[in-house]
Structures are given as structure tokens and as C-alpha cells.
Amino acid sequence: MKKYPNFYIRPLAAFTLFLILFCQNIALAQIQTDDNIKGVFPSQMFDTRSLSMANTTIADMHRGQSIGINAAISGLIQEPTFIHFNSNHNWENNFMQYDLTLPTLSNGPHHMTARFGLLHRAVESMPFFNPPTLPEPDATMYRAELAYAIAFSDYFSIGTLQSISYTTTNEEAKYWNYFADIGLVYAPDGPISYGLIFRGLGHQTTFEIIETGQTTLGSRLAQQSLEVGATLQYPADDKTFLSLSFSNEKRFGEEGMWYKAGVEIIPVSVISLRGGAMVNFEQSLFIPRAGLGFDAGVFKIDYMIAPKNLIGEQFHQIGLTIQF
């Protein structure tokens, strides 16, 4: 089995720490103190398949389109080169989000992937949907992300996702922000792989809609969370029929633990059926997810829906993957 030298570890750790501290200082210098903040801009960073399985795929090596769920996966994934696109519409705040993931560039154990995102308010009335129930800030957010993963062996990888966003309003307010996460994947020979991800390094862009109807911008520390999970594939080869994923997430500053489970069944080679749920017993919350996928070889189309009428949890998303 191929192994990589241990001397990569210290330079990687030092570089990551330096970059995080440097970017954190930039974001800290921009914080606006405002006691009347109305909300935080939503940021849906997961691919469609992961969302349909209740965000449990932090250790899933079966499909690797998303660097948002765990950047370390790109260090071990063995898939053809691809371009991946997602489109998300949140029915409650009427926000549209798009993201485009470019092909991964690899050099030995090093893997880098770029992704670009756009968030904006949708048109005033969308067919088949009720009017939004949450505030609709008049703003547009642009996001650029870079994921870096290093594989220390054929079965262990560490990765980090660095994200910089630029938000602007029609009143010409402008705001820069920074966000990052760090994760790892351990995938020994066999059907089970394991993952860990820490999210929340940096800040979230906030908004306030003042009495005149104008939107002002600000920032606050991002909510931090630690998540551990595992994925079981059967059979453990390229013709996987069943994929089960489980994870537990602790969102710091929030009551209780989130317990998650997701499943994907592939009855025929071109169709995937998916579902999942997130449960927080202390808050008495149950959030279901569902989705499906169609694999036409070069093209893959995924769709998911989050029907739960909970704040920020009523949306749908479609994804397109082009392999070459």
C-alpha cells in the first residue's frame, strides 16, 4: 500500500494555522457592533446528494462532488474528473443560491479544488410557492472557496476549506467576510469509513432591514460545530447497492446534540433513492430529507427536498455533475 512521508504534516499544520489567524484578523477588523441585527445570510454549502441524506456524508467515499461536506474526502476519492453545479431555493426567505465546483488538481498527495458561489433574492413571486415568511434582505453575496487536502496514505486524509465572501446591497453597502473548516477521513480496507469535521472558523455576514427599508450589513462569529460520522457501503466495491451514513453533531452554544442518519439505495445502475433525518431530542426537533438521483454516465442529476416548515429548513435543491 502506498504511503506518503510524514514531513508533510508540520508544514501543512503551520500553513493552515497561519492562514486561519491571518484571515480571522481581517474579518475581526470589519465587525460592526449592532444590537438590532435581524438575521444571518443563509449559506447552503453542501451538494444535493449530501443534503438528501441529512448531511451525514462526511465520511462517504462513494461520491465526491462536494468539498463543502468535508474537504478531506477529495484527498482519497477515486473518481473521474468532474464539474459540479448546484441550485438551491429557500421558500422561507426567497433566496436563490448557486455554486460551481471545478475539477480537482492533484500533485502526488496534494489535492486542490476551487468552488464559486452566488446568493441573491429571487423574483418577487415564484410559481407554486407561498410568499416568504422570513425577512428578505436586498443584497447579493459572492463567494470564492479553495479546498486543500493531503493524503498521508491510501486510507487517511486531512483537508481544509477556506471561504471568502463579498456581499453588496442596492444601497452600495459592501462587506467582506471569511469562513473555514477542517476535517479528516479515515477509510481502511473494508466497507466502513470514518470522518470528523470542525466548522465555524471565521465569521458570518449579518443583515438588518432598517425602518426606511434599506439593508445594512454586519458580522458576527460563526456558529462552531464538531461532527463525527461513519459510512457503511454494501458491497464494498464500485457496484455499491446500499450506503448507510450516520453522524452526531454538536453545535456549540445550542442545546442538545443532533443525531443524523441517511440512506442511499441503488436498485438499478441509473437510479438512486435517498432519504435521511436529523433529530435533536432536547429541542424536540425532527427534520426529514428526501431525494433521488439519475445517472446517465457522463451526466448525473440529483434532486432533494427539505419539506419541514422549520426556520431555514424548507427548501429544495438540484445538482448536475458532468464527468469527463
C-alpha atoms as a PDB file:
ATOM      1  CA  MET A   1       0.000   0.000   0.000  1.00  0.00           C
ATOM      2  CA  LYS A   2       1.375   3.436  -0.961  1.00  0.00           C
ATOM      3  CA  LYS A   3       2.403   5.712   1.925  1.00  0.00           C
ATOM      4  CA  TYR A   4       3.389   9.375   1.988  1.00  0.00           C
ATOM      5  CA  PRO A   5       6.235  10.947   4.036  1.00  0.00           C
ATOM      6  CA  ASN A   6       5.432  12.300   7.462  1.00  0.00           C
ATOM      7  CA  PHE A   7       7.369  15.523   6.821  1.00  0.00           C
ATOM      8  CA  TYR A   8       4.254  16.935   5.094  1.00  0.00           C
ATOM      9  CA  ILE A   9       2.420  17.147   8.417  1.00  0.00           C
ATOM     10  CA  ARG A  10       4.222  20.032  10.148  1.00  0.00           C
ATOM     11  CA  PRO A  11       4.316  22.409   7.135  1.00  0.00           C
ATOM     12  CA  LEU A  12       0.616  21.749   6.485  1.00  0.00           C
ATOM     13  CA  ALA A  13      -0.351  22.438  10.094  1.00  0.00           C
ATOM     14  CA  ALA A  14       1.746  25.609  10.247  1.00  0.00           C
ATOM     15  CA  PHE A  15       0.409  26.922   6.939  1.00  0.00           C
ATOM     16  CA  THR A  16      -3.221  26.242   7.870  1.00  0.00           C
ATOM     17  CA  LEU A  17      -2.845  27.911  11.288  1.00  0.00           C
ATOM     18  CA  PHE A  18      -1.175  30.966   9.758  1.00  0.00           C
ATOM     19  CA  LEU A  19      -3.849  31.341   7.076  1.00  0.00           C
ATOM     20  CA  ILE A  20      -6.696  30.999   9.574  1.00  0.00           C
ATOM     21  CA  LEU A  21      -5.234  33.547  12.001  1.00  0.00           C
ATOM     22  CA  PHE A  22      -4.409  35.979   9.196  1.00  0.00           C
ATOM     23  CA  CYS A  23      -7.880  35.875   7.687  1.00  0.00           C
ATOM     24  CA  GLN A  24      -9.562  35.959  11.097  1.00  0.00           C
ATOM     25  CA  ASN A  25      -7.774  39.249  11.854  1.00  0.00           C
ATOM     26  CA  ILE A  26      -9.079  40.730   8.590  1.00  0.00           C
ATOM     27  CA  ALA A  27     -12.639  39.735   9.480  1.00  0.00           C
ATOM     28  CA  LEU A  28     -12.319  40.977  13.081  1.00  0.00           C
ATOM     29  CA  ALA A  29     -11.316  44.410  11.841  1.00  0.00           C
ATOM     30  CA  GLN A  30     -14.627  44.702   9.957  1.00  0.00           C
ATOM     31  CA  ILE A  31     -17.074  43.734  12.716  1.00  0.00           C
ATOM     32  CA  GLN A  32     -19.919  46.183  13.241  1.00  0.00           C
ATOM     33  CA  THR A  33     -21.487  46.317  16.677  1.00  0.00           C
ATOM     34  CA  ASP A  34     -25.241  46.394  16.228  1.00  0.00           C
ATOM     35  CA  ASP A  35     -27.759  45.202  18.809  1.00  0.00           C
ATOM     36  CA  ASN A  36     -30.599  45.120  16.280  1.00  0.00           C
ATOM     37  CA  ILE A  37     -29.293  42.543  13.810  1.00  0.00           C
ATOM     38  CA  LYS A  38     -32.238  40.838  12.123  1.00  0.00           C
ATOM     39  CA  GLY A  39     -30.603  37.775  10.654  1.00  0.00           C
ATOM     40  CA  VAL A  40     -27.698  35.928   9.115  1.00  0.00           C
ATOM     41  CA  PHE A  41     -27.308  35.310   5.402  1.00  0.00           C
ATOM     42  CA  PRO A  42     -28.032  31.641   4.714  1.00  0.00           C
ATOM     43  CA  SER A  43     -25.202  29.645   3.196  1.00  0.00           C
ATOM     44  CA  GLN A  44     -26.035  26.200   1.841  1.00  0.00           C
ATOM     45  CA  MET A  45     -22.598  24.718   1.133  1.00  0.00           C
ATOM     46  CA  PHE A  46     -23.472  21.026   0.713  1.00  0.00           C
ATOM     47  CA  ASP A  47     -24.050  19.126  -2.501  1.00  0.00           C
ATOM     48  CA  THR A  48     -27.526  17.827  -3.349  1.00  0.00           C
ATOM     49  CA  ARG A  49     -26.790  14.185  -2.526  1.00  0.00           C
ATOM     50  CA  SER A  50     -25.424  15.056   0.922  1.00  0.00           C
ATOM     51  CA  LEU A  51     -28.441  17.226   1.732  1.00  0.00           C
ATOM     52  CA  SER A  52     -30.898  14.492   0.772  1.00  0.00           C
ATOM     53  CA  MET A  53     -29.090  12.150   3.220  1.00  0.00           C
ATOM     54  CA  ALA A  54     -29.402  14.667   6.095  1.00  0.00           C
ATOM     55  CA  ASN A  55     -25.808  15.978   5.819  1.00  0.00           C
ATOM     56  CA  THR A  56     -24.397  12.670   7.068  1.00  0.00           C
ATOM     57  CA  THR A  57     -21.860  12.017   4.301  1.00  0.00           C
ATOM     58  CA  ILE A  58     -18.728  13.441   5.979  1.00  0.00           C
ATOM     59  CA  ALA A  59     -17.028  10.030   5.565  1.00  0.00           C
ATOM     60  CA  ASP A  60     -18.679   8.873   2.331  1.00  0.00           C
ATOM     61  CA  MET A  61     -16.135   7.844  -0.312  1.00  0.00           C
ATOM     62  CA  HIS A  62     -18.784   6.697  -2.812  1.00  0.00           C
ATOM     63  CA  ARG A  63     -19.391  10.118  -4.352  1.00  0.00           C
ATOM     64  CA  GLY A  64     -17.047  13.078  -4.047  1.00  0.00           C
ATOM     65  CA  GLN A  65     -18.738  16.069  -5.680  1.00  0.00           C
ATOM     66  CA  SER A  66     -18.900  18.180  -2.514  1.00  0.00           C
ATOM     67  CA  ILE A  67     -15.936  19.845  -0.857  1.00  0.00           C
ATOM     68  CA  GLY A  68     -18.387  21.594   1.477  1.00  0.00           C
ATOM     69  CA  ILE A  69     -19.348  18.484   3.465  1.00  0.00           C
ATOM     70  CA  ASN A  70     -15.701  17.525   4.189  1.00  0.00           C
ATOM     71  CA  ALA A  71     -12.752  18.786   2.153  1.00  0.00           C
ATOM     72  CA  ALA A  72     -10.615  15.818   3.252  1.00  0.00           C
ATOM     73  CA  ILE A  73     -12.655  13.472   1.038  1.00  0.00           C
ATOM     74  CA  SER A  74     -11.033  14.909  -2.090  1.00  0.00           C
ATOM     75  CA  GLY A  75      -7.694  13.528  -0.901  1.00  0.00           C
ATOM     76  CA  LEU A  76      -8.884   9.905  -1.192  1.00  0.00           C
ATOM     77  CA  ILE A  77     -11.710   9.878  -3.700  1.00  0.00           C
ATOM     78  CA  GLN A  78     -11.038   7.837  -6.827  1.00  0.00           C
ATOM     79  CA  GLU A  79     -13.464   9.293  -9.369  1.00  0.00           C
ATOM     80  CA  PRO A  80     -13.031  10.657 -12.891  1.00  0.00           C
ATOM     81  CA  THR A  81     -12.577  14.391 -13.295  1.00  0.00           C
ATOM     82  CA  PHE A  82     -15.880  16.265 -12.977  1.00  0.00           C
ATOM     83  CA  ILE A  83     -17.568  19.647 -12.871  1.00  0.00           C
ATOM     84  CA  HIS A  84     -20.400  20.013 -10.360  1.00  0.00           C
ATOM     85  CA  PHE A  85     -23.226  22.587 -10.173  1.00  0.00           C
ATOM     86  CA  ASN A  86     -25.971  23.114  -7.551  1.00  0.00           C
ATOM     87  CA  SER A  87     -29.007  25.395  -7.472  1.00  0.00           C
ATOM     88  CA  ASN A  88     -30.901  25.943  -4.195  1.00  0.00           C
ATOM     89  CA  HIS A  89     -34.149  27.821  -3.485  1.00  0.00           C
ATOM     90  CA  ASN A  90     -35.248  28.534   0.087  1.00  0.00           C
ATOM     91  CA  TRP A  91     -39.026  29.031   0.221  1.00  0.00           C
ATOM     92  CA  GLU A  92     -38.998  30.866   3.557  1.00  0.00           C
ATOM     93  CA  ASN A  93     -36.648  33.751   2.752  1.00  0.00           C
ATOM     94  CA  ASN A  94     -36.891  33.547  -1.069  1.00  0.00           C
ATOM     95  CA  PHE A  95     -33.136  33.256  -1.535  1.00  0.00           C
ATOM     96  CA  MET A  96     -31.553  31.573  -4.530  1.00  0.00           C
ATOM     97  CA  GLN A  97     -28.075  30.064  -4.214  1.00  0.00           C
ATOM     98  CA  TYR A  98     -25.785  28.647  -6.877  1.00  0.00           C
ATOM     99  CA  ASP A  99     -22.378  27.036  -6.648  1.00  0.00           C
ATOM    100  CA  LEU A 100     -19.948  25.675  -9.220  1.00  0.00           C
ATOM    101  CA  THR A 101     -17.195  23.211  -8.285  1.00  0.00           C
ATOM    102  CA  LEU A 102     -14.259  22.965 -10.674  1.00  0.00           C
ATOM    103  CA  PRO A 103     -12.152  19.838 -11.299  1.00  0.00           C
ATOM    104  CA  THR A 104      -9.673  18.862  -8.584  1.00  0.00           C
ATOM    105  CA  LEU A 105      -5.999  19.480  -9.327  1.00  0.00           C
ATOM    106  CA  SER A 106      -3.708  16.799  -7.889  1.00  0.00           C
ATOM    107  CA  ASN A 107       0.044  16.509  -7.468  1.00  0.00           C
ATOM    108  CA  GLY A 108       1.031  13.380  -5.571  1.00  0.00           C
ATOM    109  CA  PRO A 109      -0.666  13.510  -2.164  1.00  0.00           C
ATOM    110  CA  HIS A 110      -1.780  17.131  -2.622  1.00  0.00           C
ATOM    111  CA  HIS A 111      -5.272  17.952  -3.936  1.00  0.00           C
ATOM    112  CA  MET A 112      -6.796  21.399  -4.512  1.00  0.00           C
ATOM    113  CA  THR A 113     -10.357  22.228  -5.578  1.00  0.00           C
ATOM    114  CA  ALA A 114     -11.932  25.639  -6.289  1.00  0.00           C
ATOM    115  CA  ARG A 115     -15.597  26.500  -5.940  1.00  0.00           C
ATOM    116  CA  PHE A 116     -17.569  29.682  -6.629  1.00  0.00           C
ATOM    117  CA  GLY A 117     -20.970  30.637  -5.227  1.00  0.00           C
ATOM    118  CA  LEU A 118     -23.695  33.239  -5.677  1.00  0.00           C
ATOM    119  CA  LEU A 119     -26.602  34.113  -3.368  1.00  0.00           C
ATOM    120  CA  HIS A 120     -29.339  36.619  -4.220  1.00  0.00           C
ATOM    121  CA  ARG A 121     -33.000  37.349  -3.623  1.00  0.00           C
ATOM    122  CA  ALA A 122     -35.274  35.579  -6.084  1.00  0.00           C
ATOM    123  CA  VAL A 123     -38.056  37.233  -8.071  1.00  0.00           C
ATOM    124  CA  GLU A 124     -40.959  38.661  -6.113  1.00  0.00           C
ATOM    125  CA  SER A 125     -43.347  35.776  -6.782  1.00  0.00           C
ATOM    126  CA  MET A 126     -42.338  32.205  -7.521  1.00  0.00           C
ATOM    127  CA  PRO A 127     -44.967  29.872  -9.027  1.00  0.00           C
ATOM    128  CA  PHE A 128     -46.436  27.111  -6.826  1.00  0.00           C
ATOM    129  CA  PHE A 129     -44.970  28.562  -3.579  1.00  0.00           C
ATOM    130  CA  ASN A 130     -46.450  30.661  -0.782  1.00  0.00           C
ATOM    131  CA  PRO A 131     -44.998  34.111  -0.028  1.00  0.00           C
ATOM    132  CA  PRO A 132     -41.796  34.069   2.100  1.00  0.00           C
ATOM    133  CA  THR A 133     -42.249  34.104   5.882  1.00  0.00           C
ATOM    134  CA  LEU A 134     -38.777  35.456   6.769  1.00  0.00           C
ATOM    135  CA  PRO A 135     -37.168  38.856   6.076  1.00  0.00           C
ATOM    136  CA  GLU A 136     -35.789  39.298   2.563  1.00  0.00           C
ATOM    137  CA  PRO A 137     -32.667  41.487   2.661  1.00  0.00           C
ATOM    138  CA  ASP A 138     -31.966  43.306  -0.592  1.00  0.00           C
ATOM    139  CA  ALA A 139     -28.421  42.012  -1.043  1.00  0.00           C
ATOM    140  CA  THR A 140     -26.213  39.806  -3.165  1.00  0.00           C
ATOM    141  CA  MET A 141     -23.361  37.620  -1.904  1.00  0.00           C
ATOM    142  CA  TYR A 142     -20.452  36.311  -3.974  1.00  0.00           C
ATOM    143  CA  ARG A 143     -18.307  33.513  -2.568  1.00  0.00           C
ATOM    144  CA  ALA A 144     -14.937  32.031  -3.577  1.00  0.00           C
ATOM    145  CA  GLU A 145     -13.636  28.886  -1.899  1.00  0.00           C
ATOM    146  CA  LEU A 146     -10.489  26.823  -2.039  1.00  0.00           C
ATOM    147  CA  ALA A 147     -10.256  23.300  -0.605  1.00  0.00           C
ATOM    148  CA  TYR A 148      -6.916  21.674   0.095  1.00  0.00           C
ATOM    149  CA  ALA A 149      -6.486  18.025   1.063  1.00  0.00           C
ATOM    150  CA  ILE A 150      -3.360  15.990   1.713  1.00  0.00           C
ATOM    151  CA  ALA A 151      -3.401  12.186   1.691  1.00  0.00           C
ATOM    152  CA  PHE A 152      -0.892  10.734   4.151  1.00  0.00           C
ATOM    153  CA  SER A 153      -1.658   7.235   2.878  1.00  0.00           C
ATOM    154  CA  ASP A 154      -4.205   5.392   0.773  1.00  0.00           C
ATOM    155  CA  TYR A 155      -6.640   5.478   3.701  1.00  0.00           C
ATOM    156  CA  PHE A 156      -6.036   8.722   5.680  1.00  0.00           C
ATOM    157  CA  SER A 157      -6.540  12.324   4.554  1.00  0.00           C
ATOM    158  CA  ILE A 158      -6.786  15.771   6.151  1.00  0.00           C
ATOM    159  CA  GLY A 159      -8.377  18.750   4.444  1.00  0.00           C
ATOM    160  CA  THR A 160      -9.425  22.351   4.963  1.00  0.00           C
ATOM    161  CA  LEU A 161     -11.909  24.597   3.158  1.00  0.00           C
ATOM    162  CA  GLN A 162     -11.181  28.339   3.065  1.00  0.00           C
ATOM    163  CA  SER A 163     -14.076  30.593   2.010  1.00  0.00           C
ATOM    164  CA  ILE A 164     -14.112  34.332   1.323  1.00  0.00           C
ATOM    165  CA  SER A 165     -17.389  36.150   0.647  1.00  0.00           C
ATOM    166  CA  TYR A 166     -18.238  39.606  -0.678  1.00  0.00           C
ATOM    167  CA  THR A 167     -21.722  40.995  -0.003  1.00  0.00           C
ATOM    168  CA  THR A 168     -23.236  44.116  -1.519  1.00  0.00           C
ATOM    169  CA  THR A 169     -26.640  45.837  -1.385  1.00  0.00           C
ATOM    170  CA  ASN A 170     -28.522  48.184  -3.709  1.00  0.00           C
ATOM    171  CA  GLU A 171     -27.580  50.970  -1.282  1.00  0.00           C
ATOM    172  CA  GLU A 172     -23.925  50.272  -2.214  1.00  0.00           C
ATOM    173  CA  ALA A 173     -23.028  48.824   1.176  1.00  0.00           C
ATOM    174  CA  LYS A 174     -20.142  46.357   0.819  1.00  0.00           C
ATOM    175  CA  TYR A 175     -18.821  43.707   3.151  1.00  0.00           C
ATOM    176  CA  TRP A 176     -16.038  41.091   3.096  1.00  0.00           C
ATOM    177  CA  ASN A 177     -16.020  38.003   5.303  1.00  0.00           C
ATOM    178  CA  TYR A 178     -14.063  34.798   5.913  1.00  0.00           C
ATOM    179  CA  PHE A 179     -15.056  31.286   6.941  1.00  0.00           C
ATOM    180  CA  ALA A 180     -13.214  27.949   7.177  1.00  0.00           C
ATOM    181  CA  ASP A 181     -13.479  24.367   8.372  1.00  0.00           C
ATOM    182  CA  ILE A 182     -11.051  21.499   8.954  1.00  0.00           C
ATOM    183  CA  GLY A 183     -11.781  17.781   8.543  1.00  0.00           C
ATOM    184  CA  LEU A 184     -10.275  14.343   8.224  1.00  0.00           C
ATOM    185  CA  VAL A 185     -11.238  10.997   6.707  1.00  0.00           C
ATOM    186  CA  TYR A 186     -10.053   7.518   7.681  1.00  0.00           C
ATOM    187  CA  ALA A 187     -11.026   4.831   5.162  1.00  0.00           C
ATOM    188  CA  PRO A 188      -9.296   1.489   5.861  1.00  0.00           C
ATOM    189  CA  ASP A 189      -9.837  -1.522   3.631  1.00  0.00           C
ATOM    190  CA  GLY A 190     -13.401  -2.704   4.085  1.00  0.00           C
ATOM    191  CA  PRO A 191     -16.947  -1.359   3.863  1.00  0.00           C
ATOM    192  CA  ILE A 192     -16.721   1.281   6.654  1.00  0.00           C
ATOM    193  CA  SER A 193     -15.096   4.709   6.507  1.00  0.00           C
ATOM    194  CA  TYR A 194     -14.915   7.363   9.248  1.00  0.00           C
ATOM    195  CA  GLY A 195     -14.905  11.154   9.224  1.00  0.00           C
ATOM    196  CA  LEU A 196     -14.571  14.172  11.515  1.00  0.00           C
ATOM    197  CA  ILE A 197     -15.202  17.825  10.711  1.00  0.00           C
ATOM    198  CA  PHE A 198     -14.881  21.051  12.718  1.00  0.00           C
ATOM    199  CA  ARG A 199     -16.802  24.015  11.271  1.00  0.00           C
ATOM    200  CA  GLY A 200     -17.058  27.658  12.249  1.00  0.00           C
ATOM    201  CA  LEU A 201     -13.599  29.245  11.924  1.00  0.00           C
ATOM    202  CA  GLY A 202     -14.366  32.827  10.985  1.00  0.00           C
ATOM    203  CA  HIS A 203     -17.481  34.963  10.789  1.00  0.00           C
ATOM    204  CA  GLN A 204     -20.966  35.067   9.274  1.00  0.00           C
ATOM    205  CA  THR A 205     -22.327  38.075   7.406  1.00  0.00           C
ATOM    206  CA  THR A 206     -25.410  39.548   9.078  1.00  0.00           C
ATOM    207  CA  PHE A 207     -28.057  41.967   7.895  1.00  0.00           C
ATOM    208  CA  GLU A 208     -30.527  44.469   9.329  1.00  0.00           C
ATOM    209  CA  ILE A 209     -33.504  45.868   7.493  1.00  0.00           C
ATOM    210  CA  ILE A 210     -33.974  49.355   8.930  1.00  0.00           C
ATOM    211  CA  GLU A 211     -37.143  51.473   9.049  1.00  0.00           C
ATOM    212  CA  THR A 212     -36.532  53.000   5.631  1.00  0.00           C
ATOM    213  CA  GLY A 213     -36.451  49.510   4.092  1.00  0.00           C
ATOM    214  CA  GLN A 214     -32.734  49.662   3.395  1.00  0.00           C
ATOM    215  CA  THR A 215     -30.470  46.712   4.189  1.00  0.00           C
ATOM    216  CA  THR A 216     -27.357  47.249   6.304  1.00  0.00           C
ATOM    217  CA  LEU A 217     -24.568  44.709   6.724  1.00  0.00           C
ATOM    218  CA  GLY A 218     -22.559  43.449   9.684  1.00  0.00           C
ATOM    219  CA  SER A 219     -20.772  40.400  11.033  1.00  0.00           C
ATOM    220  CA  ARG A 220     -20.697  38.004  13.947  1.00  0.00           C
ATOM    221  CA  LEU A 221     -18.678  34.987  14.962  1.00  0.00           C
ATOM    222  CA  ALA A 222     -19.794  31.914  13.056  1.00  0.00           C
ATOM    223  CA  GLN A 223     -21.517  29.128  14.975  1.00  0.00           C
ATOM    224  CA  GLN A 224     -18.964  26.438  15.642  1.00  0.00           C
ATOM    225  CA  SER A 225     -19.731  22.742  15.496  1.00  0.00           C
ATOM    226  CA  LEU A 226     -17.937  19.421  15.764  1.00  0.00           C
ATOM    227  CA  GLU A 227     -19.265  16.402  13.879  1.00  0.00           C
ATOM    228  CA  VAL A 228     -18.150  12.768  13.744  1.00  0.00           C
ATOM    229  CA  GLY A 229     -19.617  10.135  11.459  1.00  0.00           C
ATOM    230  CA  ALA A 230     -19.251   6.880   9.568  1.00  0.00           C
ATOM    231  CA  THR A 231     -20.441   5.402   6.285  1.00  0.00           C
ATOM    232  CA  LEU A 232     -21.150   1.748   5.520  1.00  0.00           C
ATOM    233  CA  GLN A 233     -21.236   0.603   1.890  1.00  0.00           C
ATOM    234  CA  TYR A 234     -22.520  -2.743   0.665  1.00  0.00           C
ATOM    235  CA  PRO A 235     -20.965  -4.309  -1.216  1.00  0.00           C
ATOM    236  CA  ALA A 236     -17.652  -2.518  -0.663  1.00  0.00           C
ATOM    237  CA  ASP A 237     -16.702  -2.027  -4.323  1.00  0.00           C
ATOM    238  CA  ASP A 238     -17.623   0.063  -7.355  1.00  0.00           C
ATOM    239  CA  LYS A 239     -21.049  -1.582  -7.649  1.00  0.00           C
ATOM    240  CA  THR A 240     -22.325  -0.412  -4.266  1.00  0.00           C
ATOM    241  CA  PHE A 241     -26.033  -1.168  -3.832  1.00  0.00           C
ATOM    242  CA  LEU A 242     -26.595   0.264  -0.356  1.00  0.00           C
ATOM    243  CA  SER A 243     -24.964   3.165   1.501  1.00  0.00           C
ATOM    244  CA  LEU A 244     -25.732   3.946   5.159  1.00  0.00           C
ATOM    245  CA  SER A 245     -24.349   7.061   6.844  1.00  0.00           C
ATOM    246  CA  PHE A 246     -24.572   8.155  10.471  1.00  0.00           C
ATOM    247  CA  SER A 247     -23.209  11.196  12.299  1.00  0.00           C
ATOM    248  CA  ASN A 248     -23.518  13.096  15.566  1.00  0.00           C
ATOM    249  CA  GLU A 249     -23.091  16.873  15.552  1.00  0.00           C
ATOM    250  CA  LYS A 250     -22.606  19.221  18.495  1.00  0.00           C
ATOM    251  CA  ARG A 251     -23.396  22.837  17.659  1.00  0.00           C
ATOM    252  CA  PHE A 252     -21.710  24.894  20.367  1.00  0.00           C
ATOM    253  CA  GLY A 253     -23.968  27.386  22.086  1.00  0.00           C
ATOM    254  CA  GLU A 254     -27.051  25.347  21.151  1.00  0.00           C
ATOM    255  CA  GLU A 255     -28.937  22.968  23.398  1.00  0.00           C
ATOM    256  CA  GLY A 256     -28.645  19.239  22.786  1.00  0.00           C
ATOM    257  CA  MET A 257     -26.952  17.048  20.206  1.00  0.00           C
ATOM    258  CA  TRP A 258     -28.003  16.460  16.607  1.00  0.00           C
ATOM    259  CA  TYR A 259     -28.282  12.779  15.656  1.00  0.00           C
ATOM    260  CA  LYS A 260     -28.370  12.124  11.923  1.00  0.00           C
ATOM    261  CA  ALA A 261     -28.936   9.139   9.661  1.00  0.00           C
ATOM    262  CA  GLY A 262     -29.031   8.840   5.883  1.00  0.00           C
ATOM    263  CA  VAL A 263     -29.514   6.035   3.375  1.00  0.00           C
ATOM    264  CA  GLU A 264     -29.000   5.612  -0.361  1.00  0.00           C
ATOM    265  CA  ILE A 265     -30.371   2.636  -2.287  1.00  0.00           C
ATOM    266  CA  ILE A 266     -29.371   1.980  -5.906  1.00  0.00           C
ATOM    267  CA  PRO A 267     -31.928  -0.565  -7.232  1.00  0.00           C
ATOM    268  CA  VAL A 268     -30.648  -0.173 -10.807  1.00  0.00           C
ATOM    269  CA  SER A 269     -27.463   1.436 -12.081  1.00  0.00           C
ATOM    270  CA  VAL A 270     -29.153   4.623 -13.281  1.00  0.00           C
ATOM    271  CA  ILE A 271     -31.424   5.382 -10.293  1.00  0.00           C
ATOM    272  CA  SER A 272     -30.575   6.300  -6.681  1.00  0.00           C
ATOM    273  CA  LEU A 273     -33.204   6.667  -3.939  1.00  0.00           C
ATOM    274  CA  ARG A 274     -32.175   8.662  -0.870  1.00  0.00           C
ATOM    275  CA  GLY A 275     -33.539   9.763   2.473  1.00  0.00           C
ATOM    276  CA  GLY A 276     -32.459  10.904   5.896  1.00  0.00           C
ATOM    277  CA  ALA A 277     -33.424  12.636   9.114  1.00  0.00           C
ATOM    278  CA  MET A 278     -31.915  14.896  11.780  1.00  0.00           C
ATOM    279  CA  VAL A 279     -33.138  14.643  15.368  1.00  0.00           C
ATOM    280  CA  ASN A 280     -32.491  16.842  18.399  1.00  0.00           C
ATOM    281  CA  PHE A 281     -34.252  15.329  21.427  1.00  0.00           C
ATOM    282  CA  GLU A 282     -33.573  18.236  23.790  1.00  0.00           C
ATOM    283  CA  GLN A 283     -35.232  20.667  21.380  1.00  0.00           C
ATOM    284  CA  SER A 284     -37.905  18.156  20.273  1.00  0.00           C
ATOM    285  CA  LEU A 285     -36.973  18.640  16.608  1.00  0.00           C
ATOM    286  CA  PHE A 286     -37.266  16.130  13.789  1.00  0.00           C
ATOM    287  CA  ILE A 287     -36.191  17.222  10.292  1.00  0.00           C
ATOM    288  CA  PRO A 288     -36.737  14.811   7.365  1.00  0.00           C
ATOM    289  CA  ARG A 289     -34.967  14.903   3.993  1.00  0.00           C
ATOM    290  CA  ALA A 290     -35.565  13.044   0.735  1.00  0.00           C
ATOM    291  CA  GLY A 291     -34.068  12.913  -2.737  1.00  0.00           C
ATOM    292  CA  LEU A 292     -33.206  10.905  -5.816  1.00  0.00           C
ATOM    293  CA  GLY A 293     -30.515  10.729  -8.466  1.00  0.00           C
ATOM    294  CA  PHE A 294     -30.312   9.831 -12.135  1.00  0.00           C
ATOM    295  CA  ASP A 295     -27.007   8.569 -13.570  1.00  0.00           C
ATOM    296  CA  ALA A 296     -26.684   8.788 -17.349  1.00  0.00           C
ATOM    297  CA  GLY A 297     -22.945   8.132 -17.392  1.00  0.00           C
ATOM    298  CA  VAL A 298     -21.387  11.436 -18.389  1.00  0.00           C
ATOM    299  CA  PHE A 299     -24.272  13.368 -16.800  1.00  0.00           C
ATOM    300  CA  LYS A 300     -25.636  12.888 -13.279  1.00  0.00           C
ATOM    301  CA  ILE A 301     -28.691  14.748 -11.994  1.00  0.00           C
ATOM    302  CA  ASP A 302     -29.639  14.899  -8.304  1.00  0.00           C
ATOM    303  CA  TYR A 303     -32.688  16.404  -6.608  1.00  0.00           C
ATOM    304  CA  MET A 304     -33.603  16.809  -2.935  1.00  0.00           C
ATOM    305  CA  ILE A 305     -36.293  18.423  -0.817  1.00  0.00           C
ATOM    306  CA  ALA A 306     -36.435  19.535   2.809  1.00  0.00           C
ATOM    307  CA  PRO A 307     -40.190  19.830   3.456  1.00  0.00           C
ATOM    308  CA  LYS A 308     -40.062  20.587   7.194  1.00  0.00           C
ATOM    309  CA  ASN A 309     -41.566  24.001   7.927  1.00  0.00           C
ATOM    310  CA  LEU A 310     -38.859  24.962  10.413  1.00  0.00           C
ATOM    311  CA  ILE A 311     -36.884  28.206  10.283  1.00  0.00           C
ATOM    312  CA  GLY A 312     -34.428  27.912   7.409  1.00  0.00           C
ATOM    313  CA  GLU A 313     -35.344  24.259   6.743  1.00  0.00           C
ATOM    314  CA  GLN A 314     -37.843  24.463   3.910  1.00  0.00           C
ATOM    315  CA  PHE A 315     -36.021  24.385   0.592  1.00  0.00           C
ATOM    316  CA  HIS A 316     -35.168  22.235  -2.401  1.00  0.00           C
ATOM    317  CA  GLN A 317     -32.016  21.824  -4.477  1.00  0.00           C
ATOM    318  CA  ILE A 318     -30.965  20.338  -7.797  1.00  0.00           C
ATOM    319  CA  GLY A 319     -27.442  19.268  -8.746  1.00  0.00           C
ATOM    320  CA  LEU A 320     -25.743  18.482 -12.040  1.00  0.00           C
ATOM    321  CA  THR A 321     -22.454  16.595 -12.408  1.00  0.00           C
ATOM    322  CA  ILE A 322     -20.548  16.341 -15.681  1.00  0.00           C
ATOM    323  CA  GLN A 323     -17.809  13.698 -15.777  1.00  0.00           C
ATOM    324  CA  PHE A 324     -15.075  13.517 -18.365  1.00  0.00           C
END
